[in-house]
Amino acid sequence: MNINSILHHPLFNQIVLWVVLGLGVGVAAKLVIPGSEAMGWIRTILLGLAGSFLGNFLAPRVFHWPTYTAFSWQGILIGIAGAVVLVLINRVVTRS
């Protein structure tokens, strides 16, 4: 297996897409809730991915909203809301 076949593999592309989504959602959440969180890039990506999952999995069940994909504009906004909740929880837990 060479590097070219890895870069063009659908699973690799999907992982890269999810990392970019997580980073974008995590950064957006940190911009919505400004503060002095000392989080690195990996933690921001994980927070964004977890927030996107939290928002897009729980929000339709709690509020009886329709289900959106994480890559639609509604899904991204719901993901940012979920990540904002996680930023606030992170702030309480780490007391930053």
N, C-alpha and C. Protein backbone atom coordinates (compact mmCIF):
# COMPACT_ATOMS: atom_id res chain seq x y z
N MET A 1 0.85 -1.17 0.00
CA MET A 1 0.00 0.00 0.00
C MET A 1 0.90 1.23 0.00
N ASN A 2 0.74 2.08 -0.99
CA ASN A 2 1.57 3.27 -1.05
C ASN A 2 0.80 4.49 -0.53
N ILE A 3 1.50 5.59 -0.37
CA ILE A 3 0.91 6.80 0.21
C ILE A 3 -0.21 7.36 -0.65
N ASN A 4 -0.11 7.23 -1.95
CA ASN A 4 -1.15 7.74 -2.86
C ASN A 4 -2.46 7.00 -2.64
N SER A 5 -2.40 5.70 -2.47
CA SER A 5 -3.63 4.95 -2.25
C SER A 5 -4.24 5.26 -0.88
N ILE A 6 -3.40 5.57 0.10
CA ILE A 6 -3.91 5.95 1.42
C ILE A 6 -4.60 7.30 1.35
N LEU A 7 -3.98 8.27 0.66
CA LEU A 7 -4.55 9.62 0.58
C LEU A 7 -5.87 9.65 -0.18
N HIS A 8 -6.08 8.71 -1.07
CA HIS A 8 -7.31 8.69 -1.86
C HIS A 8 -8.31 7.66 -1.35
N HIS A 9 -8.03 7.07 -0.21
CA HIS A 9 -8.96 6.10 0.37
C HIS A 9 -10.15 6.85 0.98
N PRO A 10 -11.38 6.37 0.75
CA PRO A 10 -12.57 7.07 1.28
C PRO A 10 -12.56 7.22 2.80
N LEU A 11 -12.04 6.24 3.53
CA LEU A 11 -12.00 6.33 4.99
C LEU A 11 -11.07 7.45 5.43
N PHE A 12 -9.92 7.59 4.77
CA PHE A 12 -8.98 8.66 5.09
C PHE A 12 -9.64 10.01 4.86
N ASN A 13 -10.33 10.15 3.73
CA ASN A 13 -11.01 11.41 3.43
C ASN A 13 -12.09 11.72 4.46
N GLN A 14 -12.81 10.70 4.90
CA GLN A 14 -13.86 10.89 5.91
C GLN A 14 -13.25 11.33 7.24
N ILE A 15 -12.13 10.74 7.63
CA ILE A 15 -11.47 11.11 8.88
C ILE A 15 -10.99 12.55 8.81
N VAL A 16 -10.40 12.94 7.71
CA VAL A 16 -9.93 14.31 7.55
C VAL A 16 -11.11 15.29 7.62
N LEU A 17 -12.22 14.93 6.99
CA LEU A 17 -13.41 15.78 7.02
C LEU A 17 -13.93 15.95 8.45
N TRP A 18 -13.96 14.87 9.23
CA TRP A 18 -14.42 14.95 10.62
C TRP A 18 -13.47 15.77 11.47
N VAL A 19 -12.16 15.66 11.24
CA VAL A 19 -11.19 16.46 11.99
C VAL A 19 -11.38 17.94 11.69
N VAL A 20 -11.59 18.28 10.43
CA VAL A 20 -11.82 19.67 10.05
C VAL A 20 -13.12 20.19 10.67
N LEU A 21 -14.17 19.37 10.64
CA LEU A 21 -15.44 19.75 11.28
C LEU A 21 -15.23 19.98 12.78
N GLY A 22 -14.54 19.07 13.44
CA GLY A 22 -14.29 19.20 14.87
C GLY A 22 -13.50 20.45 15.20
N LEU A 23 -12.47 20.74 14.41
CA LEU A 23 -11.68 21.93 14.63
C LEU A 23 -12.53 23.18 14.44
N GLY A 24 -13.29 23.21 13.37
CA GLY A 24 -14.14 24.39 13.09
C GLY A 24 -15.18 24.61 14.18
N VAL A 25 -15.86 23.56 14.58
CA VAL A 25 -16.88 23.67 15.62
C VAL A 25 -16.24 24.04 16.95
N GLY A 26 -15.12 23.43 17.29
CA GLY A 26 -14.42 23.74 18.54
C GLY A 26 -13.95 25.18 18.60
N VAL A 27 -13.36 25.67 17.52
CA VAL A 27 -12.90 27.06 17.47
C VAL A 27 -14.09 28.01 17.54
N ALA A 28 -15.17 27.70 16.82
CA ALA A 28 -16.36 28.56 16.86
C ALA A 28 -16.94 28.62 18.27
N ALA A 29 -16.97 27.49 18.96
CA ALA A 29 -17.49 27.47 20.33
C ALA A 29 -16.62 28.31 21.26
N LYS A 30 -15.30 28.23 21.07
CA LYS A 30 -14.40 29.02 21.90
C LYS A 30 -14.53 30.51 21.59
N LEU A 31 -14.91 30.86 20.36
CA LEU A 31 -15.14 32.27 20.01
C LEU A 31 -16.46 32.78 20.60
N VAL A 32 -17.47 31.91 20.65
CA VAL A 32 -18.76 32.29 21.21
C VAL A 32 -18.63 32.52 22.71
N ILE A 33 -17.88 31.67 23.38
CA ILE A 33 -17.64 31.77 24.83
C ILE A 33 -16.18 32.14 25.02
N PRO A 34 -15.84 33.44 24.95
CA PRO A 34 -14.43 33.81 25.08
C PRO A 34 -13.95 33.56 26.51
N GLY A 35 -12.69 33.28 26.61
CA GLY A 35 -12.09 33.02 27.91
C GLY A 35 -10.64 32.63 27.73
N SER A 36 -10.07 32.21 28.82
CA SER A 36 -8.64 31.89 28.79
C SER A 36 -8.41 30.39 28.91
N GLU A 37 -9.22 29.59 28.23
CA GLU A 37 -8.98 28.15 28.24
C GLU A 37 -7.63 27.86 27.60
N ALA A 38 -6.83 27.10 28.30
CA ALA A 38 -5.52 26.72 27.77
C ALA A 38 -5.66 25.36 27.09
N MET A 39 -6.38 25.35 25.96
CA MET A 39 -6.59 24.11 25.23
C MET A 39 -5.75 24.14 23.96
N GLY A 40 -5.14 23.01 23.67
CA GLY A 40 -4.39 22.88 22.44
C GLY A 40 -5.30 22.49 21.29
N TRP A 41 -4.70 22.27 20.13
CA TRP A 41 -5.46 21.94 18.93
C TRP A 41 -6.20 20.61 19.06
N ILE A 42 -5.54 19.62 19.61
CA ILE A 42 -6.17 18.29 19.72
C ILE A 42 -7.37 18.35 20.64
N ARG A 43 -7.22 19.01 21.77
CA ARG A 43 -8.35 19.15 22.69
C ARG A 43 -9.49 19.95 22.07
N THR A 44 -9.17 20.98 21.30
CA THR A 44 -10.19 21.77 20.61
C THR A 44 -10.93 20.91 19.59
N ILE A 45 -10.20 20.09 18.83
CA ILE A 45 -10.83 19.20 17.85
C ILE A 45 -11.73 18.19 18.55
N LEU A 46 -11.23 17.60 19.63
CA LEU A 46 -12.05 16.62 20.36
C LEU A 46 -13.28 17.27 20.97
N LEU A 47 -13.13 18.48 21.49
CA LEU A 47 -14.27 19.21 22.04
C LEU A 47 -15.29 19.50 20.94
N GLY A 48 -14.82 19.90 19.78
CA GLY A 48 -15.72 20.17 18.66
C GLY A 48 -16.44 18.92 18.18
N LEU A 49 -15.70 17.81 18.08
CA LEU A 49 -16.33 16.55 17.67
C LEU A 49 -17.35 16.07 18.70
N ALA A 50 -16.97 16.15 19.97
CA ALA A 50 -17.90 15.74 21.02
C ALA A 50 -19.12 16.66 21.07
N GLY A 51 -18.91 17.94 20.89
CA GLY A 51 -20.02 18.89 20.87
C GLY A 51 -20.94 18.66 19.69
N SER A 52 -20.36 18.35 18.55
CA SER A 52 -21.16 18.05 17.37
C SER A 52 -21.98 16.79 17.59
N PHE A 53 -21.35 15.78 18.17
CA PHE A 53 -22.09 14.55 18.47
C PHE A 53 -23.17 14.83 19.50
N LEU A 54 -22.81 15.53 20.56
CA LEU A 54 -23.76 15.84 21.63
C LEU A 54 -24.96 16.61 21.07
N GLY A 55 -24.68 17.65 20.32
CA GLY A 55 -25.77 18.46 19.77
C GLY A 55 -26.63 17.71 18.77
N ASN A 56 -25.99 17.01 17.85
CA ASN A 56 -26.75 16.35 16.78
C ASN A 56 -27.38 15.04 17.20
N PHE A 57 -26.93 14.45 18.31
CA PHE A 57 -27.54 13.22 18.81
C PHE A 57 -28.64 13.52 19.83
N LEU A 58 -28.34 14.41 20.76
CA LEU A 58 -29.29 14.66 21.84
C LEU A 58 -30.37 15.69 21.51
N ALA A 59 -30.03 16.74 20.78
CA ALA A 59 -31.00 17.81 20.52
C ALA A 59 -32.28 17.31 19.84
N PRO A 60 -32.21 16.47 18.81
CA PRO A 60 -33.47 15.99 18.21
C PRO A 60 -34.30 15.17 19.18
N ARG A 61 -33.65 14.46 20.08
CA ARG A 61 -34.39 13.63 21.03
C ARG A 61 -34.98 14.44 22.17
N VAL A 62 -34.28 15.46 22.62
CA VAL A 62 -34.75 16.27 23.74
C VAL A 62 -35.79 17.28 23.29
N PHE A 63 -35.54 17.96 22.17
CA PHE A 63 -36.43 19.03 21.71
C PHE A 63 -37.39 18.61 20.61
N HIS A 64 -37.35 17.33 20.23
CA HIS A 64 -38.20 16.79 19.16
C HIS A 64 -38.00 17.54 17.84
N TRP A 65 -36.73 17.87 17.57
CA TRP A 65 -36.37 18.50 16.30
C TRP A 65 -36.13 17.42 15.26
N PRO A 66 -36.16 17.79 14.00
CA PRO A 66 -35.76 16.81 12.97
C PRO A 66 -34.27 16.51 13.10
N THR A 67 -33.87 15.37 12.60
CA THR A 67 -32.46 14.98 12.63
C THR A 67 -31.75 15.57 11.42
N TYR A 68 -30.63 16.22 11.66
CA TYR A 68 -29.81 16.80 10.60
C TYR A 68 -28.48 16.07 10.53
N THR A 69 -27.84 16.12 9.38
CA THR A 69 -26.49 15.56 9.29
C THR A 69 -25.53 16.57 9.90
N ALA A 70 -24.41 16.09 10.39
CA ALA A 70 -23.44 16.97 11.04
C ALA A 70 -22.83 17.97 10.06
N PHE A 71 -22.91 17.69 8.77
CA PHE A 71 -22.29 18.56 7.78
C PHE A 71 -23.27 19.51 7.11
N SER A 72 -24.53 19.56 7.56
CA SER A 72 -25.47 20.57 7.07
C SER A 72 -25.30 21.82 7.91
N TRP A 73 -25.80 22.96 7.44
CA TRP A 73 -25.62 24.19 8.21
C TRP A 73 -26.38 24.11 9.53
N GLN A 74 -27.53 23.42 9.55
CA GLN A 74 -28.25 23.25 10.81
C GLN A 74 -27.45 22.37 11.77
N GLY A 75 -26.88 21.29 11.23
CA GLY A 75 -26.07 20.39 12.04
C GLY A 75 -24.84 21.08 12.61
N ILE A 76 -24.22 21.94 11.83
CA ILE A 76 -23.05 22.67 12.32
C ILE A 76 -23.44 23.63 13.43
N LEU A 77 -24.57 24.33 13.28
CA LEU A 77 -25.03 25.24 14.33
C LEU A 77 -25.39 24.49 15.60
N ILE A 78 -26.05 23.35 15.46
CA ILE A 78 -26.37 22.53 16.62
C ILE A 78 -25.09 21.99 17.26
N GLY A 79 -24.13 21.63 16.43
CA GLY A 79 -22.84 21.16 16.94
C GLY A 79 -22.10 22.25 17.71
N ILE A 80 -22.15 23.48 17.21
CA ILE A 80 -21.53 24.60 17.93
C ILE A 80 -22.20 24.79 19.28
N ALA A 81 -23.53 24.69 19.31
CA ALA A 81 -24.25 24.82 20.58
C ALA A 81 -23.82 23.72 21.55
N GLY A 82 -23.70 22.50 21.06
CA GLY A 82 -23.24 21.40 21.90
C GLY A 82 -21.82 21.64 22.39
N ALA A 83 -20.95 22.17 21.53
CA ALA A 83 -19.57 22.44 21.93
C ALA A 83 -19.49 23.59 22.92
N VAL A 84 -20.40 24.58 22.80
CA VAL A 84 -20.44 25.67 23.77
C VAL A 84 -20.75 25.11 25.16
N VAL A 85 -21.70 24.18 25.22
CA VAL A 85 -22.01 23.53 26.50
C VAL A 85 -20.77 22.84 27.05
N LEU A 86 -20.03 22.16 26.19
CA LEU A 86 -18.82 21.46 26.65
C LEU A 86 -17.72 22.43 27.07
N VAL A 87 -17.62 23.59 26.41
CA VAL A 87 -16.64 24.61 26.82
C VAL A 87 -16.98 25.09 28.23
N LEU A 88 -18.28 25.32 28.48
CA LEU A 88 -18.70 25.76 29.81
C LEU A 88 -18.43 24.68 30.87
N ILE A 89 -18.71 23.43 30.52
CA ILE A 89 -18.41 22.33 31.44
C ILE A 89 -16.91 22.24 31.68
N ASN A 90 -16.11 22.38 30.63
CA ASN A 90 -14.65 22.36 30.75
C ASN A 90 -14.18 23.48 31.67
N ARG A 91 -14.80 24.63 31.56
CA ARG A 91 -14.42 25.77 32.39
C ARG A 91 -14.69 25.49 33.87
N VAL A 92 -15.83 24.85 34.15
CA VAL A 92 -16.16 24.52 35.53
C VAL A 92 -15.23 23.45 36.08
N VAL A 93 -15.00 22.41 35.27
CA VAL A 93 -14.16 21.30 35.73
C VAL A 93 -12.70 21.73 35.94
N THR A 94 -12.17 22.50 35.02
CA THR A 94 -10.76 22.91 35.13
C THR A 94 -10.59 24.22 35.88
N ARG A 95 -11.70 24.86 36.24
CA ARG A 95 -11.69 26.14 36.96
C ARG A 95 -10.84 27.19 36.27
N SER A 96 -10.99 27.26 34.94
CA SER A 96 -10.20 28.27 34.20
C SER A 96 -11.07 29.43 33.81
